[in-house]
Amino acid sequence: MDLRFDIIEILKVTMVLFAVIDVIGSIPVIISLKQKTGEINASKASWVSLGIMIVFLFVGQTILNIIGISIGDFAIAGSILIFIVAFEMILGIQISKDTMPGTASVIPLAFPLIAGTGTLTTLLSIRAEYNIVSIITAIVLNVIIVYLVLRNLNRVEKLLGTGGIAILKKVFGIILLALAIKLFRKYTGL
């Protein structure tokens, strides 16, 4: 196992994960979740996301193999969850019946929005190309960015205003829907 510290490699992996996690693009989704549940716990969402990514990095492929699920099956299931979240954003409806406040910090925020199927399958694929120290460092750097965005969500919300949030919610709902369909098509061959 290669355990060297390589700044260039860390930057590469950090940028790949940043693009896949897309916390900036997810701001309208996160604000929508905050409006539904009352509050987002930035620390909890960040720690849970970090835990999911680190655990999946080391045992994800083994777990999927043991239960007989391919990465494609996993990605399709995640795409359906993302599709539902996008559908709720676009139509302004609520499909899920979970009304307990605070649960949005873990589901659907930590999983599948932050540490979603795209992120987890990316981790499995980059593990073959990059050393483990670079990947773990990149995960930590991305979780810090996620934490900072979640922590300053109120400022972002005030900056955008009610109208801006409504517009962004619809636009990013469509983008999220398209991403869900793209992920679904990639793994179903449709």
N, C-alpha and C. Protein backbone atom coordinates (compact mmCIF):
# COMPACT_ATOMS: atom_id res chain seq x y z
N MET A 1 0.85 -1.18 0.00
CA MET A 1 0.00 0.00 0.00
C MET A 1 0.89 1.24 0.00
N ASP A 2 0.63 2.16 -0.91
CA ASP A 2 1.42 3.37 -1.06
C ASP A 2 0.92 4.42 -0.06
N LEU A 3 1.79 4.88 0.84
CA LEU A 3 1.38 5.85 1.86
C LEU A 3 2.18 7.14 1.77
N ARG A 4 2.44 7.62 0.58
CA ARG A 4 3.20 8.86 0.45
C ARG A 4 2.27 10.07 0.39
N PHE A 5 2.82 11.22 0.78
CA PHE A 5 2.08 12.48 0.78
C PHE A 5 2.47 13.26 -0.47
N ASP A 6 1.55 13.41 -1.42
CA ASP A 6 1.82 14.05 -2.70
C ASP A 6 0.81 15.18 -2.91
N ILE A 7 1.29 16.43 -2.80
CA ILE A 7 0.41 17.59 -2.90
C ILE A 7 -0.34 17.65 -4.23
N ILE A 8 0.33 17.40 -5.32
CA ILE A 8 -0.32 17.45 -6.65
C ILE A 8 -1.43 16.41 -6.73
N GLU A 9 -1.15 15.21 -6.26
CA GLU A 9 -2.14 14.15 -6.28
C GLU A 9 -3.33 14.50 -5.37
N ILE A 10 -3.04 15.09 -4.21
CA ILE A 10 -4.10 15.51 -3.29
C ILE A 10 -4.99 16.55 -3.97
N LEU A 11 -4.39 17.51 -4.64
CA LEU A 11 -5.17 18.54 -5.34
C LEU A 11 -6.04 17.93 -6.44
N LYS A 12 -5.49 16.98 -7.19
CA LYS A 12 -6.27 16.31 -8.24
C LYS A 12 -7.49 15.60 -7.66
N VAL A 13 -7.26 14.80 -6.62
CA VAL A 13 -8.36 14.05 -6.01
C VAL A 13 -9.36 15.00 -5.36
N THR A 14 -8.86 16.06 -4.73
CA THR A 14 -9.75 17.04 -4.10
C THR A 14 -10.67 17.67 -5.14
N MET A 15 -10.12 18.03 -6.28
CA MET A 15 -10.94 18.65 -7.33
C MET A 15 -11.95 17.68 -7.91
N VAL A 16 -11.56 16.43 -8.09
CA VAL A 16 -12.50 15.42 -8.59
C VAL A 16 -13.66 15.26 -7.61
N LEU A 17 -13.34 15.10 -6.33
CA LEU A 17 -14.40 14.94 -5.32
C LEU A 17 -15.25 16.20 -5.18
N PHE A 18 -14.62 17.37 -5.27
CA PHE A 18 -15.36 18.62 -5.17
C PHE A 18 -16.40 18.71 -6.28
N ALA A 19 -16.01 18.32 -7.48
CA ALA A 19 -16.93 18.35 -8.62
C ALA A 19 -18.07 17.35 -8.45
N VAL A 20 -17.75 16.18 -7.92
CA VAL A 20 -18.78 15.14 -7.75
C VAL A 20 -19.72 15.49 -6.59
N ILE A 21 -19.16 15.94 -5.48
CA ILE A 21 -20.00 16.30 -4.32
C ILE A 21 -20.87 17.51 -4.66
N ASP A 22 -20.30 18.51 -5.33
CA ASP A 22 -21.00 19.70 -5.81
C ASP A 22 -21.85 20.37 -4.73
N VAL A 23 -21.22 20.68 -3.60
CA VAL A 23 -21.95 21.32 -2.50
C VAL A 23 -22.45 22.71 -2.89
N ILE A 24 -21.73 23.41 -3.73
CA ILE A 24 -22.16 24.75 -4.16
C ILE A 24 -23.44 24.63 -5.01
N GLY A 25 -23.45 23.69 -5.92
CA GLY A 25 -24.63 23.47 -6.74
C GLY A 25 -25.81 22.92 -5.96
N SER A 26 -25.53 22.33 -4.79
CA SER A 26 -26.58 21.75 -3.97
C SER A 26 -27.19 22.74 -2.99
N ILE A 27 -26.71 23.98 -2.97
CA ILE A 27 -27.22 24.96 -2.01
C ILE A 27 -28.74 25.10 -2.07
N PRO A 28 -29.37 25.20 -3.25
CA PRO A 28 -30.84 25.29 -3.27
C PRO A 28 -31.52 24.06 -2.65
N VAL A 29 -30.95 22.88 -2.86
CA VAL A 29 -31.50 21.66 -2.27
C VAL A 29 -31.37 21.72 -0.76
N ILE A 30 -30.22 22.14 -0.29
CA ILE A 30 -29.96 22.21 1.15
C ILE A 30 -30.88 23.23 1.80
N ILE A 31 -31.06 24.39 1.16
CA ILE A 31 -31.97 25.41 1.70
C ILE A 31 -33.39 24.87 1.75
N SER A 32 -33.79 24.14 0.72
CA SER A 32 -35.11 23.53 0.69
C SER A 32 -35.28 22.55 1.86
N LEU A 33 -34.26 21.73 2.10
CA LEU A 33 -34.31 20.79 3.23
C LEU A 33 -34.38 21.53 4.56
N LYS A 34 -33.64 22.62 4.66
CA LYS A 34 -33.65 23.43 5.89
C LYS A 34 -35.04 24.01 6.14
N GLN A 35 -35.68 24.47 5.06
CA GLN A 35 -37.03 25.03 5.21
C GLN A 35 -38.03 23.97 5.66
N LYS A 36 -37.85 22.73 5.21
CA LYS A 36 -38.76 21.64 5.59
C LYS A 36 -38.55 21.20 7.03
N THR A 37 -37.28 21.11 7.47
CA THR A 37 -36.99 20.53 8.78
C THR A 37 -36.73 21.57 9.86
N GLY A 38 -36.52 22.81 9.47
CA GLY A 38 -36.29 23.86 10.46
C GLY A 38 -34.82 24.19 10.65
N GLU A 39 -33.96 23.20 10.60
CA GLU A 39 -32.54 23.46 10.81
C GLU A 39 -31.69 22.34 10.23
N ILE A 40 -30.51 22.70 9.80
CA ILE A 40 -29.53 21.73 9.31
C ILE A 40 -28.37 21.74 10.31
N ASN A 41 -28.02 20.58 10.80
CA ASN A 41 -26.89 20.47 11.72
C ASN A 41 -25.63 20.24 10.89
N ALA A 42 -24.86 21.32 10.71
CA ALA A 42 -23.67 21.27 9.84
C ALA A 42 -22.65 20.26 10.34
N SER A 43 -22.44 20.22 11.64
CA SER A 43 -21.45 19.28 12.20
C SER A 43 -21.87 17.84 11.98
N LYS A 44 -23.12 17.54 12.28
CA LYS A 44 -23.62 16.17 12.13
C LYS A 44 -23.56 15.72 10.67
N ALA A 45 -24.03 16.57 9.76
CA ALA A 45 -24.01 16.22 8.34
C ALA A 45 -22.58 16.00 7.86
N SER A 46 -21.66 16.85 8.31
CA SER A 46 -20.26 16.73 7.89
C SER A 46 -19.61 15.47 8.44
N TRP A 47 -19.80 15.20 9.73
CA TRP A 47 -19.19 14.01 10.34
C TRP A 47 -19.75 12.73 9.73
N VAL A 48 -21.08 12.69 9.52
CA VAL A 48 -21.69 11.50 8.93
C VAL A 48 -21.18 11.30 7.51
N SER A 49 -21.09 12.37 6.74
CA SER A 49 -20.56 12.28 5.37
C SER A 49 -19.13 11.77 5.37
N LEU A 50 -18.32 12.32 6.26
CA LEU A 50 -16.92 11.88 6.38
C LEU A 50 -16.85 10.40 6.71
N GLY A 51 -17.65 9.99 7.68
CA GLY A 51 -17.67 8.57 8.08
C GLY A 51 -18.08 7.65 6.95
N ILE A 52 -19.14 8.04 6.25
CA ILE A 52 -19.62 7.22 5.13
C ILE A 52 -18.54 7.08 4.06
N MET A 53 -17.90 8.20 3.71
CA MET A 53 -16.89 8.16 2.65
C MET A 53 -15.66 7.35 3.05
N ILE A 54 -15.20 7.52 4.28
CA ILE A 54 -14.01 6.78 4.74
C ILE A 54 -14.30 5.28 4.82
N VAL A 55 -15.43 4.93 5.42
CA VAL A 55 -15.79 3.51 5.54
C VAL A 55 -15.96 2.90 4.15
N PHE A 56 -16.66 3.61 3.26
CA PHE A 56 -16.89 3.07 1.92
C PHE A 56 -15.59 2.94 1.14
N LEU A 57 -14.65 3.85 1.37
CA LEU A 57 -13.35 3.78 0.70
C LEU A 57 -12.66 2.45 1.00
N PHE A 58 -12.75 2.01 2.25
CA PHE A 58 -12.04 0.80 2.65
C PHE A 58 -12.84 -0.49 2.47
N VAL A 59 -14.15 -0.44 2.69
CA VAL A 59 -14.92 -1.69 2.67
C VAL A 59 -16.10 -1.68 1.70
N GLY A 60 -16.25 -0.62 0.92
CA GLY A 60 -17.39 -0.49 0.02
C GLY A 60 -17.52 -1.61 -0.98
N GLN A 61 -16.44 -1.88 -1.70
CA GLN A 61 -16.48 -2.94 -2.70
C GLN A 61 -16.75 -4.30 -2.07
N THR A 62 -16.15 -4.54 -0.91
CA THR A 62 -16.35 -5.82 -0.21
C THR A 62 -17.80 -5.97 0.22
N ILE A 63 -18.37 -4.91 0.78
CA ILE A 63 -19.78 -4.96 1.22
C ILE A 63 -20.70 -5.23 0.03
N LEU A 64 -20.47 -4.50 -1.06
CA LEU A 64 -21.30 -4.71 -2.25
C LEU A 64 -21.16 -6.13 -2.78
N ASN A 65 -19.93 -6.66 -2.78
CA ASN A 65 -19.71 -8.03 -3.25
C ASN A 65 -20.40 -9.05 -2.35
N ILE A 66 -20.31 -8.86 -1.03
CA ILE A 66 -20.91 -9.80 -0.08
C ILE A 66 -22.42 -9.89 -0.26
N ILE A 67 -23.06 -8.74 -0.44
CA ILE A 67 -24.52 -8.78 -0.58
C ILE A 67 -24.98 -8.92 -2.03
N GLY A 68 -24.01 -9.06 -2.93
CA GLY A 68 -24.34 -9.34 -4.31
C GLY A 68 -24.86 -8.16 -5.09
N ILE A 69 -24.40 -6.97 -4.74
CA ILE A 69 -24.85 -5.76 -5.43
C ILE A 69 -23.66 -5.20 -6.21
N SER A 70 -23.89 -4.90 -7.46
CA SER A 70 -22.82 -4.30 -8.27
C SER A 70 -22.81 -2.79 -8.03
N ILE A 71 -21.73 -2.17 -8.46
CA ILE A 71 -21.66 -0.71 -8.37
C ILE A 71 -22.78 -0.10 -9.19
N GLY A 72 -23.11 -0.72 -10.31
CA GLY A 72 -24.21 -0.24 -11.14
C GLY A 72 -25.54 -0.26 -10.42
N ASP A 73 -25.82 -1.36 -9.71
CA ASP A 73 -27.06 -1.46 -8.93
C ASP A 73 -27.12 -0.36 -7.87
N PHE A 74 -25.98 -0.16 -7.22
CA PHE A 74 -25.87 0.86 -6.17
C PHE A 74 -26.12 2.25 -6.76
N ALA A 75 -25.54 2.52 -7.90
CA ALA A 75 -25.70 3.81 -8.56
C ALA A 75 -27.14 4.04 -9.02
N ILE A 76 -27.80 3.00 -9.51
CA ILE A 76 -29.19 3.12 -9.94
C ILE A 76 -30.09 3.44 -8.75
N ALA A 77 -29.88 2.77 -7.63
CA ALA A 77 -30.67 3.05 -6.42
C ALA A 77 -30.46 4.51 -5.98
N GLY A 78 -29.23 4.96 -5.99
CA GLY A 78 -28.94 6.35 -5.63
C GLY A 78 -29.57 7.33 -6.59
N SER A 79 -29.58 6.99 -7.88
CA SER A 79 -30.18 7.88 -8.87
C SER A 79 -31.68 8.03 -8.63
N ILE A 80 -32.32 6.98 -8.16
CA ILE A 80 -33.76 7.05 -7.87
C ILE A 80 -34.01 7.97 -6.68
N LEU A 81 -33.16 7.89 -5.65
CA LEU A 81 -33.29 8.80 -4.50
C LEU A 81 -33.09 10.25 -4.93
N ILE A 82 -32.09 10.49 -5.74
CA ILE A 82 -31.83 11.85 -6.23
C ILE A 82 -32.99 12.33 -7.09
N PHE A 83 -33.57 11.44 -7.90
CA PHE A 83 -34.73 11.76 -8.73
C PHE A 83 -35.89 12.23 -7.86
N ILE A 84 -36.14 11.55 -6.76
CA ILE A 84 -37.25 11.92 -5.86
C ILE A 84 -37.02 13.30 -5.25
N VAL A 85 -35.80 13.56 -4.79
CA VAL A 85 -35.49 14.88 -4.22
C VAL A 85 -35.70 15.97 -5.28
N ALA A 86 -35.24 15.72 -6.51
CA ALA A 86 -35.40 16.69 -7.60
C ALA A 86 -36.88 16.91 -7.92
N PHE A 87 -37.64 15.83 -7.94
CA PHE A 87 -39.06 15.90 -8.22
C PHE A 87 -39.77 16.77 -7.19
N GLU A 88 -39.41 16.59 -5.92
CA GLU A 88 -39.98 17.41 -4.85
C GLU A 88 -39.65 18.89 -5.04
N MET A 89 -38.40 19.18 -5.44
CA MET A 89 -37.98 20.56 -5.63
C MET A 89 -38.72 21.23 -6.78
N ILE A 90 -38.86 20.52 -7.89
CA ILE A 90 -39.47 21.10 -9.08
C ILE A 90 -40.96 21.35 -8.87
N LEU A 91 -41.64 20.38 -8.30
CA LEU A 91 -43.10 20.49 -8.16
C LEU A 91 -43.55 21.10 -6.83
N GLY A 92 -42.62 21.29 -5.92
CA GLY A 92 -42.97 21.88 -4.63
C GLY A 92 -43.86 20.98 -3.79
N ILE A 93 -43.67 19.66 -3.93
CA ILE A 93 -44.45 18.71 -3.15
C ILE A 93 -43.53 17.93 -2.22
N GLN A 94 -44.14 17.23 -1.28
CA GLN A 94 -43.35 16.40 -0.38
C GLN A 94 -43.80 14.95 -0.52
N ILE A 95 -42.89 14.10 -0.95
CA ILE A 95 -43.19 12.69 -1.13
C ILE A 95 -42.94 11.93 0.16
N SER A 96 -41.83 12.26 0.81
CA SER A 96 -41.47 11.53 2.02
C SER A 96 -42.39 11.93 3.16
N LYS A 97 -42.75 10.96 4.00
CA LYS A 97 -43.65 11.19 5.13
C LYS A 97 -42.91 11.40 6.44
N ASP A 98 -41.57 11.43 6.39
CA ASP A 98 -40.76 11.62 7.58
C ASP A 98 -40.88 13.06 8.04
N THR A 99 -41.48 13.28 9.20
CA THR A 99 -41.70 14.64 9.69
C THR A 99 -40.85 14.98 10.90
N MET A 100 -39.92 14.11 11.28
CA MET A 100 -39.08 14.39 12.43
C MET A 100 -38.04 15.45 12.06
N PRO A 101 -38.04 16.61 12.77
CA PRO A 101 -37.05 17.62 12.45
C PRO A 101 -35.64 17.13 12.74
N GLY A 102 -34.71 17.61 11.95
CA GLY A 102 -33.31 17.26 12.16
C GLY A 102 -32.84 16.06 11.38
N THR A 103 -33.75 15.26 10.85
CA THR A 103 -33.33 14.07 10.12
C THR A 103 -32.70 14.42 8.78
N ALA A 104 -32.98 15.61 8.27
CA ALA A 104 -32.41 16.00 6.98
C ALA A 104 -30.90 16.12 7.04
N SER A 105 -30.33 16.26 8.24
CA SER A 105 -28.88 16.37 8.36
C SER A 105 -28.19 15.07 7.95
N VAL A 106 -28.89 13.95 8.13
CA VAL A 106 -28.30 12.66 7.75
C VAL A 106 -28.87 12.20 6.42
N ILE A 107 -30.20 12.05 6.35
CA ILE A 107 -30.85 11.63 5.11
C ILE A 107 -31.84 12.72 4.73
N PRO A 108 -31.79 13.32 3.61
CA PRO A 108 -30.99 13.02 2.44
C PRO A 108 -29.72 13.88 2.30
N LEU A 109 -29.34 14.66 3.33
CA LEU A 109 -28.20 15.56 3.16
C LEU A 109 -26.86 14.82 3.15
N ALA A 110 -26.53 14.14 4.25
CA ALA A 110 -25.24 13.42 4.29
C ALA A 110 -25.24 12.31 3.25
N PHE A 111 -26.35 11.58 3.15
CA PHE A 111 -26.52 10.57 2.11
C PHE A 111 -27.93 10.71 1.57
N PRO A 112 -28.16 10.91 0.30
CA PRO A 112 -27.27 10.74 -0.83
C PRO A 112 -26.71 12.03 -1.43
N LEU A 113 -26.98 13.23 -0.84
CA LEU A 113 -26.51 14.45 -1.49
C LEU A 113 -25.00 14.67 -1.38
N ILE A 114 -24.43 14.55 -0.19
CA ILE A 114 -22.99 14.79 -0.03
C ILE A 114 -22.21 13.51 -0.32
N ALA A 115 -22.46 12.49 0.45
CA ALA A 115 -21.78 11.20 0.24
C ALA A 115 -22.73 10.28 -0.51
N GLY A 116 -23.06 10.67 -1.71
CA GLY A 116 -24.02 9.92 -2.51
C GLY A 116 -23.36 8.87 -3.38
N THR A 117 -24.16 8.27 -4.21
CA THR A 117 -23.65 7.19 -5.04
C THR A 117 -22.57 7.66 -6.00
N GLY A 118 -22.70 8.88 -6.50
CA GLY A 118 -21.66 9.41 -7.38
C GLY A 118 -20.33 9.53 -6.66
N THR A 119 -20.39 10.06 -5.44
CA THR A 119 -19.18 10.20 -4.62
C THR A 119 -18.61 8.84 -4.27
N LEU A 120 -19.45 7.93 -3.85
CA LEU A 120 -18.97 6.62 -3.40
C LEU A 120 -18.41 5.79 -4.55
N THR A 121 -19.06 5.83 -5.69
CA THR A 121 -18.52 5.07 -6.83
C THR A 121 -17.24 5.73 -7.34
N THR A 122 -17.16 7.06 -7.25
CA THR A 122 -15.91 7.75 -7.60
C THR A 122 -14.78 7.33 -6.68
N LEU A 123 -15.07 7.22 -5.38
CA LEU A 123 -14.04 6.78 -4.43
C LEU A 123 -13.52 5.40 -4.79
N LEU A 124 -14.42 4.50 -5.16
CA LEU A 124 -13.98 3.15 -5.53
C LEU A 124 -13.11 3.18 -6.78
N SER A 125 -13.47 4.04 -7.73
CA SER A 125 -12.70 4.06 -8.97
C SER A 125 -11.35 4.76 -8.82
N ILE A 126 -11.26 5.82 -8.01
CA ILE A 126 -9.98 6.51 -7.86
C ILE A 126 -9.03 5.77 -6.92
N ARG A 127 -9.56 4.84 -6.17
CA ARG A 127 -8.71 4.06 -5.27
C ARG A 127 -7.66 3.27 -6.04
N ALA A 128 -8.00 2.87 -7.25
CA ALA A 128 -7.06 2.12 -8.08
C ALA A 128 -5.98 3.01 -8.67
N GLU A 129 -6.24 4.32 -8.74
CA GLU A 129 -5.33 5.23 -9.42
C GLU A 129 -4.46 6.06 -8.47
N TYR A 130 -4.99 6.40 -7.29
CA TYR A 130 -4.29 7.29 -6.37
C TYR A 130 -3.99 6.60 -5.04
N ASN A 131 -3.00 7.14 -4.31
CA ASN A 131 -2.66 6.52 -3.03
C ASN A 131 -3.68 6.91 -1.96
N ILE A 132 -3.77 6.09 -0.95
CA ILE A 132 -4.80 6.21 0.08
C ILE A 132 -4.67 7.50 0.89
N VAL A 133 -3.44 7.96 1.12
CA VAL A 133 -3.22 9.20 1.88
C VAL A 133 -3.81 10.38 1.11
N SER A 134 -3.60 10.41 -0.19
CA SER A 134 -4.15 11.49 -1.03
C SER A 134 -5.67 11.47 -1.01
N ILE A 135 -6.25 10.30 -1.09
CA ILE A 135 -7.71 10.19 -1.11
C ILE A 135 -8.31 10.62 0.23
N ILE A 136 -7.74 10.14 1.33
CA ILE A 136 -8.26 10.51 2.66
C ILE A 136 -8.11 12.01 2.89
N THR A 137 -6.97 12.57 2.51
CA THR A 137 -6.76 14.02 2.66
C THR A 137 -7.78 14.79 1.83
N ALA A 138 -8.03 14.35 0.61
CA ALA A 138 -9.01 15.00 -0.26
C ALA A 138 -10.42 14.90 0.32
N ILE A 139 -10.75 13.76 0.90
CA ILE A 139 -12.06 13.61 1.54
C ILE A 139 -12.20 14.62 2.67
N VAL A 140 -11.18 14.71 3.53
CA VAL A 140 -11.23 15.63 4.67
C VAL A 140 -11.35 17.08 4.18
N LEU A 141 -10.58 17.46 3.18
CA LEU A 141 -10.65 18.82 2.65
C LEU A 141 -12.05 19.13 2.11
N ASN A 142 -12.64 18.18 1.41
CA ASN A 142 -13.99 18.39 0.88
C ASN A 142 -15.03 18.47 1.98
N VAL A 143 -14.89 17.68 3.02
CA VAL A 143 -15.83 17.74 4.14
C VAL A 143 -15.71 19.08 4.86
N ILE A 144 -14.51 19.63 4.95
CA ILE A 144 -14.33 20.96 5.54
C ILE A 144 -15.07 22.01 4.71
N ILE A 145 -14.96 21.92 3.40
CA ILE A 145 -15.69 22.84 2.51
C ILE A 145 -17.19 22.69 2.70
N VAL A 146 -17.67 21.45 2.76
CA VAL A 146 -19.09 21.19 2.98
C VAL A 146 -19.53 21.81 4.31
N TYR A 147 -18.75 21.60 5.35
CA TYR A 147 -19.08 22.15 6.68
C TYR A 147 -19.19 23.68 6.61
N LEU A 148 -18.24 24.33 5.95
CA LEU A 148 -18.25 25.79 5.86
C LEU A 148 -19.48 26.30 5.12
N VAL A 149 -19.86 25.60 4.05
CA VAL A 149 -21.06 25.99 3.30
C VAL A 149 -22.30 25.80 4.18
N LEU A 150 -22.41 24.66 4.84
CA LEU A 150 -23.58 24.39 5.68
C LEU A 150 -23.64 25.34 6.87
N ARG A 151 -22.49 25.64 7.42
CA ARG A 151 -22.41 26.54 8.59
C ARG A 151 -22.86 27.95 8.24
N ASN A 152 -22.61 28.38 7.00
CA ASN A 152 -22.95 29.74 6.57
C ASN A 152 -24.21 29.78 5.71
N LEU A 153 -25.03 28.76 5.83
CA LEU A 153 -26.24 28.65 5.02
C LEU A 153 -27.20 29.83 5.24
N ASN A 154 -27.30 30.31 6.47
CA ASN A 154 -28.20 31.44 6.76
C ASN A 154 -27.77 32.69 5.99
N ARG A 155 -26.46 32.94 5.91
CA ARG A 155 -25.96 34.09 5.16
C ARG A 155 -26.29 33.95 3.67
N VAL A 156 -26.09 32.76 3.15
CA VAL A 156 -26.39 32.49 1.74
C VAL A 156 -27.88 32.69 1.49
N GLU A 157 -28.68 32.18 2.41
CA GLU A 157 -30.14 32.28 2.28
C GLU A 157 -30.59 33.74 2.28
N LYS A 158 -30.02 34.56 3.16
CA LYS A 158 -30.37 35.99 3.21
C LYS A 158 -29.92 36.70 1.94
N LEU A 159 -28.77 36.33 1.44
CA LEU A 159 -28.23 36.94 0.23
C LEU A 159 -29.13 36.67 -0.98
N LEU A 160 -29.61 35.44 -1.09
CA LEU A 160 -30.45 35.06 -2.24
C LEU A 160 -31.87 35.59 -2.14
N GLY A 161 -32.41 35.65 -0.92
CA GLY A 161 -33.79 36.09 -0.74
C GLY A 161 -34.78 35.01 -1.13
N THR A 162 -36.05 35.22 -0.81
CA THR A 162 -37.09 34.23 -1.07
C THR A 162 -37.26 33.95 -2.56
N GLY A 163 -37.28 35.00 -3.37
CA GLY A 163 -37.45 34.83 -4.82
C GLY A 163 -36.27 34.12 -5.45
N GLY A 164 -35.08 34.50 -5.03
CA GLY A 164 -33.87 33.87 -5.57
C GLY A 164 -33.81 32.39 -5.23
N ILE A 165 -34.20 32.06 -4.00
CA ILE A 165 -34.21 30.66 -3.57
C ILE A 165 -35.23 29.87 -4.39
N ALA A 166 -36.42 30.45 -4.60
CA ALA A 166 -37.46 29.76 -5.38
C ALA A 166 -36.98 29.48 -6.81
N ILE A 167 -36.35 30.47 -7.42
CA ILE A 167 -35.85 30.29 -8.79
C ILE A 167 -34.74 29.25 -8.82
N LEU A 168 -33.77 29.38 -7.91
CA LEU A 168 -32.67 28.42 -7.86
C LEU A 168 -33.16 27.00 -7.57
N LYS A 169 -34.17 26.89 -6.72
CA LYS A 169 -34.71 25.58 -6.38
C LYS A 169 -35.26 24.88 -7.62
N LYS A 170 -35.98 25.61 -8.45
CA LYS A 170 -36.54 25.02 -9.67
C LYS A 170 -35.43 24.68 -10.67
N VAL A 171 -34.51 25.62 -10.86
CA VAL A 171 -33.42 25.41 -11.82
C VAL A 171 -32.56 24.22 -11.40
N PHE A 172 -32.14 24.20 -10.13
CA PHE A 172 -31.29 23.12 -9.67
C PHE A 172 -32.06 21.82 -9.51
N GLY A 173 -33.37 21.91 -9.32
CA GLY A 173 -34.20 20.71 -9.32
C GLY A 173 -34.14 20.03 -10.67
N ILE A 174 -34.21 20.83 -11.73
CA ILE A 174 -34.14 20.28 -13.09
C ILE A 174 -32.74 19.70 -13.35
N ILE A 175 -31.70 20.42 -12.89
CA ILE A 175 -30.33 19.93 -13.05
C ILE A 175 -30.14 18.62 -12.28
N LEU A 176 -30.64 18.59 -11.05
CA LEU A 176 -30.54 17.38 -10.24
C LEU A 176 -31.30 16.23 -10.89
N LEU A 177 -32.45 16.52 -11.45
CA LEU A 177 -33.23 15.52 -12.17
C LEU A 177 -32.45 14.97 -13.37
N ALA A 178 -31.81 15.88 -14.10
CA ALA A 178 -31.00 15.46 -15.25
C ALA A 178 -29.81 14.60 -14.81
N LEU A 179 -29.18 14.96 -13.69
CA LEU A 179 -28.08 14.16 -13.17
C LEU A 179 -28.55 12.77 -12.75
N ALA A 180 -29.72 12.70 -12.14
CA ALA A 180 -30.28 11.41 -11.74
C ALA A 180 -30.54 10.54 -12.97
N ILE A 181 -31.09 11.14 -14.01
CA ILE A 181 -31.36 10.40 -15.24
C ILE A 181 -30.06 9.96 -15.90
N LYS A 182 -29.06 10.85 -15.91
CA LYS A 182 -27.76 10.51 -16.50
C LYS A 182 -27.14 9.33 -15.77
N LEU A 183 -27.17 9.36 -14.44
CA LEU A 183 -26.62 8.26 -13.64
C LEU A 183 -27.40 6.97 -13.90
N PHE A 184 -28.71 7.07 -13.98
CA PHE A 184 -29.57 5.92 -14.25
C PHE A 184 -29.25 5.32 -15.62
N ARG A 185 -29.16 6.20 -16.64
CA ARG A 185 -28.89 5.74 -18.01
C ARG A 185 -27.50 5.11 -18.11
N LYS A 186 -26.52 5.69 -17.43
CA LYS A 186 -25.15 5.17 -17.51
C LYS A 186 -25.08 3.72 -17.04
N TYR A 187 -25.84 3.40 -16.00
CA TYR A 187 -25.75 2.06 -15.43
C TYR A 187 -26.84 1.10 -15.89
N THR A 188 -27.80 1.61 -16.68
CA THR A 188 -28.81 0.69 -17.23
C THR A 188 -28.61 0.49 -18.73
N GLY A 189 -27.79 1.32 -19.33
CA GLY A 189 -27.53 1.19 -20.77
C GLY A 189 -28.65 1.72 -21.62
N LEU A 190 -29.56 2.48 -21.04
CA LEU A 190 -30.67 3.06 -21.81
C LEU A 190 -30.28 4.33 -22.50
